[in-house]
Amino acid sequence: MTFSPNPLQVLLLWKMIFMNYEPGFSEMKPNLDARRREELKTAGLIDYEKRPKKSKKKTTPVNHVVLTDAAWDWAVKNLDAKISDRSPVSGPVLHCVLLHLKNYIQQKNSSLYDFLHPQSENQEIIEKPHVVNMMEGSESADLKSRIRSAYFHFTNNQTHIRMRLAKLRDVLADVPRAVLDAVLRELKRAEKIFLFPLEDPQEKTPADDEAALLEAGRVNHVILFEE
């Protein structure tokens, strides 16, 4: 039968993984009794390692709990394992996990929204900024002109009026979404347009959510030209 750690055992494993925690038996927090500790060892998730501990009078070997390679394999497959929420250890472990997440997002130049709303592999590939670079210069310029024309036709040649992205996508329905999104992001970076979210939930429709464009970690629903 496959061994499934209980919530307190899971908490210890996460603490060891995310906090590089290798406690001695007497220092272990959360504290597992000998039986629960041995269950993890028998399952091959932890092992014991003797390390010297110095005191005023002498140095004595003390057993420390260390992770095994199998523990890392288990972790990848069991990120959804139930964790104890009653132990005071859970707070520091969560804090450490969030720090690791922050570092990962910064290193990948990503956003928390991307992490929480992952796209399919194919969609992610075609929505990278290089989509614009793959277009001919004339094609990119033509699409930018079409976006501008669609906006000013909608606003009767007025600026500072919001146009929903859902409406823009309807007008430019022949343009692949990934291509349109890439050009909109390019226009935004060049400060040619402004993108804004619909803050009021009462304003948004399912069509607005479907047409939304993620840019710099913000979900945008409307486009606006200033000039």
Protein backbone atom coordinates (compact mmCIF):
# COMPACT_ATOMS: atom_id res chain seq x y z
CA MET A 1 0.00 0.00 0.00
CA THR A 2 1.33 3.46 -0.88
CA PHE A 3 2.10 5.55 2.18
CA SER A 4 0.29 8.90 2.48
CA PRO A 5 1.68 11.27 5.12
CA ASN A 6 -0.82 12.83 7.49
CA PRO A 7 -1.21 16.66 7.52
CA LEU A 8 1.39 17.17 10.27
CA GLN A 9 3.91 14.97 8.49
CA VAL A 10 3.24 16.90 5.28
CA LEU A 11 3.89 20.18 7.10
CA LEU A 12 7.26 18.90 8.30
CA LEU A 13 8.20 17.83 4.78
CA TRP A 14 7.30 21.24 3.35
CA LYS A 15 9.26 22.98 6.08
CA MET A 16 12.29 20.86 5.29
CA ILE A 17 11.94 21.50 1.57
CA PHE A 18 11.24 25.22 1.55
CA MET A 19 13.25 26.26 4.61
CA ASN A 20 16.23 23.90 4.24
CA TYR A 21 15.28 22.56 7.66
CA GLU A 22 17.27 19.61 9.06
CA PRO A 23 16.42 19.42 12.76
CA GLY A 24 17.70 17.21 15.51
CA PHE A 25 15.11 14.90 17.07
CA SER A 26 14.64 17.11 20.13
CA GLU A 27 14.42 20.34 18.07
CA MET A 28 11.86 19.18 15.52
CA LYS A 29 8.90 21.51 14.95
CA PRO A 30 6.27 20.46 14.24
CA ASN A 31 7.08 17.77 16.75
CA LEU A 32 6.37 14.25 15.51
CA ASP A 33 6.38 11.36 17.90
CA ALA A 34 8.80 8.51 17.21
CA ARG A 35 6.14 6.43 15.43
CA ARG A 36 5.18 9.20 12.98
CA ARG A 37 8.81 10.00 12.36
CA GLU A 38 9.62 6.35 11.67
CA GLU A 39 6.72 6.16 9.22
CA LEU A 40 8.39 8.84 7.10
CA LYS A 41 11.71 7.02 7.31
CA THR A 42 10.19 3.67 6.39
CA ALA A 43 8.47 5.32 3.42
CA GLY A 44 11.89 6.55 2.29
CA LEU A 45 11.02 10.26 2.56
CA ILE A 46 13.50 11.10 5.31
CA ASP A 47 16.68 9.64 6.71
CA TYR A 48 18.79 10.14 9.82
CA GLU A 49 22.24 11.64 9.89
CA LYS A 50 24.48 11.85 12.93
CA ARG A 51 26.09 15.23 13.46
CA PRO A 52 28.32 16.39 16.29
CA LYS A 53 26.79 18.68 18.87
CA LYS A 54 29.15 20.63 21.08
CA SER A 55 28.41 21.32 24.71
CA LYS A 56 30.55 22.89 27.43
CA LYS A 57 31.93 19.54 28.52
CA LYS A 58 31.96 17.34 25.41
CA THR A 59 30.89 16.75 21.83
CA THR A 60 28.21 14.14 21.29
CA PRO A 61 26.64 12.80 18.07
CA VAL A 62 23.02 13.81 17.55
CA ASN A 63 20.58 12.39 15.00
CA HIS A 64 19.27 14.93 12.49
CA VAL A 65 16.40 14.43 10.09
CA VAL A 66 17.30 14.97 6.42
CA LEU A 67 15.37 14.70 3.18
CA THR A 68 15.91 11.95 0.65
CA ASP A 69 15.69 12.16 -3.15
CA ALA A 70 12.40 10.31 -2.88
CA ALA A 71 11.00 13.19 -0.81
CA TRP A 72 11.61 15.60 -3.68
CA ASP A 73 9.91 13.22 -6.10
CA TRP A 74 6.99 12.89 -3.70
CA ALA A 75 6.72 16.68 -3.36
CA VAL A 76 6.37 17.27 -7.10
CA LYS A 77 3.52 14.79 -7.29
CA ASN A 78 1.77 15.87 -4.08
CA LEU A 79 1.71 19.66 -4.01
CA ASP A 80 -1.99 19.36 -3.22
CA ALA A 81 -1.42 17.18 -0.13
CA LYS A 82 -3.44 18.33 2.86
CA ILE A 83 -1.32 20.32 5.29
CA SER A 84 -1.91 20.92 8.97
CA ASP A 85 -3.43 24.35 9.56
CA ARG A 86 -3.47 24.05 13.34
CA SER A 87 0.28 24.08 13.92
CA PRO A 88 1.94 27.49 14.45
CA VAL A 89 4.65 26.25 12.09
CA SER A 90 2.33 26.59 9.10
CA GLY A 91 2.56 30.41 9.07
CA PRO A 92 6.38 30.63 8.70
CA VAL A 93 6.32 27.84 6.10
CA LEU A 94 3.71 29.70 4.02
CA HIS A 95 5.73 32.91 4.32
CA CYS A 96 8.82 31.12 3.04
CA VAL A 97 6.89 29.58 0.13
CA LEU A 98 5.66 33.05 -0.88
CA LEU A 99 9.22 34.40 -0.77
CA HIS A 100 10.32 31.62 -3.11
CA LEU A 101 7.36 32.42 -5.37
CA LYS A 102 8.31 36.11 -5.40
CA ASN A 103 11.89 35.31 -6.39
CA TYR A 104 10.71 32.93 -9.12
CA ILE A 105 8.33 35.50 -10.62
CA GLN A 106 11.03 38.18 -10.60
CA GLN A 107 13.62 35.90 -12.19
CA LYS A 108 11.18 34.80 -14.90
CA ASN A 109 10.02 38.40 -15.46
CA SER A 110 6.48 37.09 -15.06
CA SER A 111 3.49 38.14 -12.98
CA LEU A 112 1.38 36.65 -10.24
CA TYR A 113 -1.60 36.67 -12.61
CA ASP A 114 0.35 34.53 -15.11
CA PHE A 115 1.17 32.11 -12.31
CA LEU A 116 -2.43 31.86 -11.16
CA HIS A 117 -3.88 31.72 -14.69
CA PRO A 118 -1.46 29.61 -16.73
CA GLN A 119 -2.07 29.45 -20.46
CA SER A 120 -1.74 26.38 -22.60
CA GLU A 121 1.73 25.79 -24.02
CA ASN A 122 0.71 26.61 -27.57
CA GLN A 123 -1.11 29.79 -26.59
CA GLU A 124 1.82 30.97 -24.51
CA ILE A 125 4.21 30.50 -27.41
CA ILE A 126 2.19 32.54 -29.89
CA GLU A 127 1.49 35.36 -27.43
CA LYS A 128 5.15 36.16 -26.78
CA PRO A 129 6.33 39.61 -27.97
CA HIS A 130 8.27 38.03 -30.85
CA VAL A 131 4.93 37.53 -32.65
CA VAL A 132 5.14 41.17 -33.70
CA ASN A 133 8.76 40.77 -34.78
CA MET A 134 7.74 37.88 -37.06
CA MET A 135 5.29 40.15 -38.92
CA GLU A 136 6.40 42.21 -41.87
CA GLY A 137 6.84 45.87 -40.97
CA SER A 138 4.06 46.86 -43.33
CA GLU A 139 1.71 44.29 -41.82
CA SER A 140 2.36 45.55 -38.31
CA ALA A 141 1.88 49.17 -39.38
CA ASP A 142 -1.31 48.25 -41.23
CA LEU A 143 -2.76 46.56 -38.15
CA LYS A 144 -1.88 49.54 -35.98
CA SER A 145 -3.68 51.76 -38.48
CA ARG A 146 -6.71 49.48 -38.43
CA ILE A 147 -6.83 49.59 -34.62
CA ARG A 148 -6.69 53.38 -34.70
CA SER A 149 -9.37 53.59 -37.40
CA ALA A 150 -11.67 51.21 -35.51
CA TYR A 151 -11.29 53.28 -32.35
CA PHE A 152 -11.99 56.66 -33.95
CA HIS A 153 -14.87 55.27 -35.98
CA PHE A 154 -16.40 54.01 -32.73
CA THR A 155 -15.84 57.34 -30.92
CA ASN A 156 -16.85 59.60 -33.85
CA ASN A 157 -13.27 60.89 -34.10
CA GLN A 158 -13.07 61.82 -30.44
CA THR A 159 -10.26 61.02 -28.01
CA HIS A 160 -10.42 60.16 -24.32
CA ILE A 161 -13.41 57.85 -24.84
CA ARG A 162 -13.28 54.27 -23.72
CA MET A 163 -13.74 51.51 -26.26
CA ARG A 164 -14.22 48.02 -24.93
CA LEU A 165 -11.74 45.46 -26.15
CA ALA A 166 -14.67 43.15 -26.78
CA LYS A 167 -15.96 45.64 -29.37
CA LEU A 168 -12.51 46.08 -30.92
CA ARG A 169 -12.11 42.33 -31.27
CA ASP A 170 -15.50 42.13 -32.99
CA VAL A 171 -14.47 44.80 -35.50
CA LEU A 172 -11.10 43.11 -36.13
CA ALA A 173 -12.45 39.57 -36.02
CA ASP A 174 -10.24 38.51 -38.93
CA VAL A 175 -7.05 39.21 -36.93
CA PRO A 176 -5.75 36.27 -34.85
CA ARG A 177 -6.07 37.05 -31.18
CA ALA A 178 -2.39 36.48 -30.45
CA VAL A 179 -1.36 38.90 -33.21
CA LEU A 180 -3.82 41.58 -32.09
CA ASP A 181 -2.75 41.20 -28.47
CA ALA A 182 0.92 41.50 -29.39
CA VAL A 183 0.33 44.69 -31.39
CA LEU A 184 -1.80 46.18 -28.61
CA ARG A 185 0.99 45.49 -26.13
CA GLU A 186 3.48 47.13 -28.50
CA LEU A 187 1.27 50.22 -28.81
CA LYS A 188 0.90 50.32 -25.04
CA ARG A 189 4.67 50.14 -24.49
CA ALA A 190 5.14 52.91 -27.05
CA GLU A 191 2.53 54.97 -25.12
CA LYS A 192 0.35 55.25 -28.21
CA ILE A 193 -2.68 53.85 -26.36
CA PHE A 194 -3.87 53.38 -22.81
CA LEU A 195 -5.39 50.17 -21.48
CA PHE A 196 -7.64 50.09 -18.43
CA PRO A 197 -9.61 47.53 -16.45
CA LEU A 198 -13.31 47.80 -15.73
CA GLU A 199 -13.15 48.18 -11.97
CA ASP A 200 -16.89 47.96 -11.32
CA PRO A 201 -18.06 44.32 -11.46
CA GLN A 202 -21.51 45.59 -12.45
CA GLU A 203 -19.99 47.04 -15.63
CA LYS A 204 -18.33 43.88 -16.82
CA THR A 205 -19.96 41.26 -18.98
CA PRO A 206 -18.77 37.75 -19.86
CA ALA A 207 -17.73 39.20 -23.23
CA ASP A 208 -15.50 41.72 -21.45
CA ASP A 209 -13.82 38.97 -19.47
CA GLU A 210 -13.33 36.89 -22.60
CA ALA A 211 -11.80 39.82 -24.50
CA ALA A 212 -9.59 41.02 -21.63
CA LEU A 213 -5.89 41.62 -22.27
CA LEU A 214 -3.26 40.94 -19.65
CA GLU A 215 -0.52 43.55 -19.61
CA ALA A 216 2.05 44.06 -16.84
CA GLY A 217 0.05 41.92 -14.45
CA ARG A 218 -3.19 43.89 -14.94
CA VAL A 219 -6.33 42.60 -16.66
CA ASN A 220 -7.53 45.29 -19.08
CA HIS A 221 -10.95 45.59 -20.68
CA VAL A 222 -10.91 48.96 -22.48
CA ILE A 223 -8.66 50.89 -24.86
CA LEU A 224 -8.26 54.66 -25.10
CA PHE A 225 -6.40 56.97 -27.48
CA GLU A 226 -5.37 60.41 -26.24
CA GLU A 227 -4.56 61.81 -29.69
